[in-house]
């Protein structure tokens, strides 16, 4: 695996607003984040499913689950980011950080090292002028193909049909990267580890990549129509 910093990535500042997260683009404009667009255009079915889950487990338990998952995910991302940039990684002092360390090592050893030929950047801010922005976990080359890579944690293994929004994120970041850096990325990869150290990965490419790219642009159009 080779670190190849061939693109001059620009750091994007972000801020939270009542309408969701906004990014400040190099031209001075403020645009919504990819996750904000996805959240605001969520189907009623998905909203109801979330409400049903909260009712089933209880508001307090639901919040605790979400908070713990977010903490694990943040820590796992930081561990992988440190490894990419050549910094030392250590388990940490509490149980969440120790768990996240083990998860990160699984992703690195079993998914990144065998499959990623080249890394261009980690925690890369990307924007599509005037429309949206976001931060992808990694850009580079997956099994010989230019790709967007996102690292995900999960409480339990996922089915492919449950992670459509993750695929839309990949397509959003790819479109922004292609627009700003002249690439032709048409591969996206989700690399996932559960808290019990089950790893999964999904590769989005070819006709499926085109399908989800079209779905992403539909969501962008919906977001701006409903503002």
Protein backbone atom coordinates (compact mmCIF):
# COMPACT_ATOMS: atom_id res chain seq x y z
CA UNK A 1 0.00 0.00 0.00
CA UNK A 2 1.39 3.38 -1.09
CA UNK A 3 0.62 6.84 0.23
CA UNK A 4 0.37 9.10 -2.84
CA UNK A 5 -0.62 12.66 -2.00
CA UNK A 6 -1.22 13.62 -5.62
CA UNK A 7 -4.15 15.96 -4.93
CA UNK A 8 -4.01 19.25 -3.09
CA UNK A 9 -7.05 18.72 -0.91
CA UNK A 10 -8.59 21.82 0.65
CA UNK A 11 -9.83 21.68 4.22
CA UNK A 12 -13.49 22.70 4.47
CA UNK A 13 -14.86 24.44 7.55
CA UNK A 14 -18.23 23.31 8.79
CA UNK A 15 -20.88 24.64 11.09
CA UNK A 16 -24.15 23.38 12.53
CA UNK A 17 -27.32 25.33 11.85
CA UNK A 18 -31.01 24.80 12.71
CA UNK A 19 -31.46 23.29 9.24
CA UNK A 20 -28.49 20.90 9.57
CA UNK A 21 -24.74 20.87 9.02
CA UNK A 22 -23.33 23.38 6.53
CA UNK A 23 -19.91 23.55 4.88
CA UNK A 24 -18.08 26.70 3.86
CA UNK A 25 -16.76 26.18 0.32
CA UNK A 26 -13.63 27.80 -1.15
CA UNK A 27 -15.79 30.28 -3.11
CA UNK A 28 -17.38 31.51 0.13
CA UNK A 29 -20.74 29.80 -0.36
CA UNK A 30 -22.37 27.67 2.31
CA UNK A 31 -23.85 24.34 1.24
CA UNK A 32 -25.55 21.49 3.12
CA UNK A 33 -23.65 18.36 4.03
CA UNK A 34 -24.28 15.08 2.27
CA UNK A 35 -25.70 13.62 5.48
CA UNK A 36 -28.04 16.59 5.92
CA UNK A 37 -29.46 16.10 2.43
CA UNK A 38 -29.97 12.40 3.10
CA UNK A 39 -31.61 13.07 6.45
CA UNK A 40 -33.96 15.75 5.11
CA UNK A 41 -35.07 13.57 2.17
CA UNK A 42 -35.57 10.38 4.17
CA UNK A 43 -38.68 8.41 3.22
CA UNK A 44 -41.66 8.30 5.55
CA UNK A 45 -41.14 4.55 5.82
CA UNK A 46 -37.63 5.02 7.19
CA UNK A 47 -38.77 7.75 9.56
CA UNK A 48 -41.50 5.46 10.89
CA UNK A 49 -39.09 2.54 11.25
CA UNK A 50 -36.81 4.72 13.38
CA UNK A 51 -39.74 5.92 15.49
CA UNK A 52 -40.90 2.32 15.98
CA UNK A 53 -37.43 1.25 17.13
CA UNK A 54 -37.24 4.08 19.67
CA UNK A 55 -40.70 3.17 20.97
CA UNK A 56 -39.72 -0.49 21.23
CA UNK A 57 -36.48 -0.01 23.18
CA UNK A 58 -37.41 3.24 24.93
CA UNK A 59 -36.13 6.77 24.37
CA UNK A 60 -33.43 6.58 27.03
CA UNK A 61 -32.07 3.22 25.88
CA UNK A 62 -32.18 4.33 22.25
CA UNK A 63 -30.17 7.44 23.04
CA UNK A 64 -27.60 5.40 24.95
CA UNK A 65 -27.22 2.96 22.04
CA UNK A 66 -26.78 5.79 19.55
CA UNK A 67 -24.28 7.63 21.78
CA UNK A 68 -22.17 4.52 22.39
CA UNK A 69 -22.18 3.63 18.70
CA UNK A 70 -21.13 7.15 17.75
CA UNK A 71 -18.29 7.05 20.27
CA UNK A 72 -17.04 3.72 18.96
CA UNK A 73 -17.29 4.92 15.37
CA UNK A 74 -15.39 8.14 16.05
CA UNK A 75 -12.64 6.30 17.91
CA UNK A 76 -12.36 3.60 15.21
CA UNK A 77 -12.06 6.27 12.51
CA UNK A 78 -9.32 8.07 14.44
CA UNK A 79 -7.36 4.85 14.87
CA UNK A 80 -7.50 4.12 11.12
CA UNK A 81 -6.64 7.73 10.28
CA UNK A 82 -3.59 7.60 12.56
CA UNK A 83 -2.44 4.39 10.90
CA UNK A 84 -2.82 5.89 7.43
CA UNK A 85 -0.69 8.93 8.26
CA UNK A 86 1.93 6.80 10.00
CA UNK A 87 1.17 7.68 13.61
CA UNK A 88 1.21 5.11 16.40
CA UNK A 89 -2.09 3.53 17.43
CA UNK A 90 -2.82 2.45 21.00
CA UNK A 91 -5.92 0.85 22.55
CA UNK A 92 -6.73 3.68 24.95
CA UNK A 93 -7.85 3.65 28.55
CA UNK A 94 -11.58 2.92 28.46
CA UNK A 95 -13.64 0.03 27.12
CA UNK A 96 -15.09 1.94 24.14
CA UNK A 97 -11.65 3.01 22.92
CA UNK A 98 -10.21 -0.48 23.43
CA UNK A 99 -13.09 -1.99 21.47
CA UNK A 100 -12.67 0.60 18.71
CA UNK A 101 -8.95 -0.16 18.54
CA UNK A 102 -9.66 -3.85 17.92
CA UNK A 103 -12.25 -2.95 15.28
CA UNK A 104 -9.80 -0.64 13.51
CA UNK A 105 -7.11 -3.33 13.49
CA UNK A 106 -9.54 -5.79 11.89
CA UNK A 107 -10.41 -3.31 9.14
CA UNK A 108 -6.75 -2.45 8.54
CA UNK A 109 -5.39 -6.00 8.56
CA UNK A 110 -8.19 -7.82 6.75
CA UNK A 111 -9.64 -5.20 4.40
CA UNK A 112 -7.31 -2.24 3.79
CA UNK A 113 -3.88 -3.86 3.58
CA UNK A 114 -4.89 -6.72 1.22
CA UNK A 115 -7.02 -4.58 -1.11
CA UNK A 116 -5.98 -0.91 -1.11
CA UNK A 117 -3.12 -0.31 -3.54
CA UNK A 118 -2.77 3.42 -2.95
CA UNK A 119 -4.10 6.06 -0.57
CA UNK A 120 -4.47 9.67 -1.75
CA UNK A 121 -5.93 11.19 1.38
CA UNK A 122 -7.64 10.57 4.72
CA UNK A 123 -10.61 12.56 6.08
CA UNK A 124 -10.92 14.39 2.77
CA UNK A 125 -13.25 17.38 2.53
CA UNK A 126 -15.09 17.41 -0.80
CA UNK A 127 -17.66 19.76 -2.29
CA UNK A 128 -19.77 19.95 -5.40
CA UNK A 129 -19.90 23.69 -6.20
CA UNK A 130 -23.11 25.33 -5.08
CA UNK A 131 -24.84 22.10 -4.09
CA UNK A 132 -23.30 20.08 -1.25
CA UNK A 133 -20.17 19.09 0.62
CA UNK A 134 -18.93 16.44 3.01
CA UNK A 135 -15.97 14.54 4.37
CA UNK A 136 -15.09 11.10 3.09
CA UNK A 137 -12.93 8.77 5.12
CA UNK A 138 -10.45 7.87 2.42
CA UNK A 139 -9.65 8.31 -1.27
CA UNK A 140 -7.33 6.08 -3.26
CA UNK A 141 -7.15 2.88 -5.29
CA UNK A 142 -9.07 -0.28 -4.41
CA UNK A 143 -7.97 -3.40 -6.29
CA UNK A 144 -6.65 -1.28 -9.16
CA UNK A 145 -9.64 1.08 -9.39
CA UNK A 146 -9.82 4.71 -8.28
CA UNK A 147 -12.23 4.71 -5.37
CA UNK A 148 -13.97 6.42 -2.49
CA UNK A 149 -13.71 4.40 0.74
CA UNK A 150 -15.82 4.84 3.85
CA UNK A 151 -15.26 3.07 7.18
CA UNK A 152 -18.35 2.15 9.19
CA UNK A 153 -18.96 0.65 12.61
CA UNK A 154 -22.10 -1.31 13.44
CA UNK A 155 -23.68 -2.92 16.46
CA UNK A 156 -24.44 -6.04 14.43
CA UNK A 157 -23.75 -7.21 10.84
CA UNK A 158 -25.78 -5.50 8.14
CA UNK A 159 -27.61 -6.71 5.06
CA UNK A 160 -26.86 -4.97 1.77
CA UNK A 161 -30.42 -3.61 1.45
CA UNK A 162 -30.06 -1.82 4.79
CA UNK A 163 -27.18 0.43 3.73
CA UNK A 164 -28.50 2.25 0.67
CA UNK A 165 -27.71 5.64 2.21
CA UNK A 166 -24.07 4.58 2.58
CA UNK A 167 -23.98 3.87 -1.17
CA UNK A 168 -25.50 7.28 -1.88
CA UNK A 169 -22.76 8.89 0.21
CA UNK A 170 -20.09 7.14 -1.84
CA UNK A 171 -21.63 8.41 -5.08
CA UNK A 172 -21.94 11.94 -3.72
CA UNK A 173 -18.27 12.05 -2.75
CA UNK A 174 -17.19 10.50 -6.05
CA UNK A 175 -19.12 13.11 -8.05
CA UNK A 176 -17.55 15.92 -6.00
CA UNK A 177 -14.05 14.47 -6.38
CA UNK A 178 -14.47 14.02 -10.13
CA UNK A 179 -15.80 17.57 -10.51
CA UNK A 180 -12.93 19.21 -8.63
CA UNK A 181 -9.96 17.00 -9.41
CA UNK A 182 -10.64 15.65 -12.90
CA UNK A 183 -10.80 12.02 -11.78
CA UNK A 184 -13.20 9.42 -13.14
CA UNK A 185 -14.06 7.57 -9.95
CA UNK A 186 -16.80 4.99 -10.43
CA UNK A 187 -16.01 2.67 -7.53
CA UNK A 188 -17.08 3.06 -3.93
CA UNK A 189 -16.32 0.73 -1.03
CA UNK A 190 -17.88 0.39 2.42
CA UNK A 191 -15.57 -1.28 4.96
CA UNK A 192 -17.48 -2.24 8.10
CA UNK A 193 -16.72 -3.84 11.45
CA UNK A 194 -19.18 -4.74 14.19
CA UNK A 195 -18.53 -4.32 17.89
CA UNK A 196 -18.14 -8.12 18.01
CA UNK A 197 -15.40 -7.87 15.34
CA UNK A 198 -17.37 -9.25 12.41
CA UNK A 199 -16.10 -7.55 9.27
CA UNK A 200 -18.00 -6.93 6.04
CA UNK A 201 -17.36 -4.95 2.90
CA UNK A 202 -19.39 -3.93 -0.12
CA UNK A 203 -18.06 -2.72 -3.47
CA UNK A 204 -20.25 -0.41 -5.55
CA UNK A 205 -19.30 -0.26 -9.23
CA UNK A 206 -20.44 -0.47 -12.87
CA UNK A 207 -24.22 -0.29 -13.47
CA UNK A 208 -24.97 -0.35 -9.75
CA UNK A 209 -22.75 2.67 -9.21
CA UNK A 210 -24.57 4.52 -12.01
CA UNK A 211 -27.94 3.59 -10.47
CA UNK A 212 -27.05 4.98 -7.05
CA UNK A 213 -25.48 8.08 -8.59
CA UNK A 214 -28.80 8.82 -10.29
CA UNK A 215 -30.61 8.21 -7.00
CA UNK A 216 -28.25 10.64 -5.26
CA UNK A 217 -28.97 13.40 -7.74
CA UNK A 218 -32.70 12.77 -7.27
CA UNK A 219 -32.25 13.31 -3.54
CA UNK A 220 -30.32 16.54 -4.14
CA UNK A 221 -33.11 17.80 -6.39
CA UNK A 222 -35.72 16.81 -3.80
CA UNK A 223 -33.82 18.62 -1.04
CA UNK A 224 -33.68 21.91 -2.92
CA UNK A 225 -37.31 21.68 -4.03
CA UNK A 226 -38.50 21.18 -0.44
CA UNK A 227 -36.41 23.90 1.20
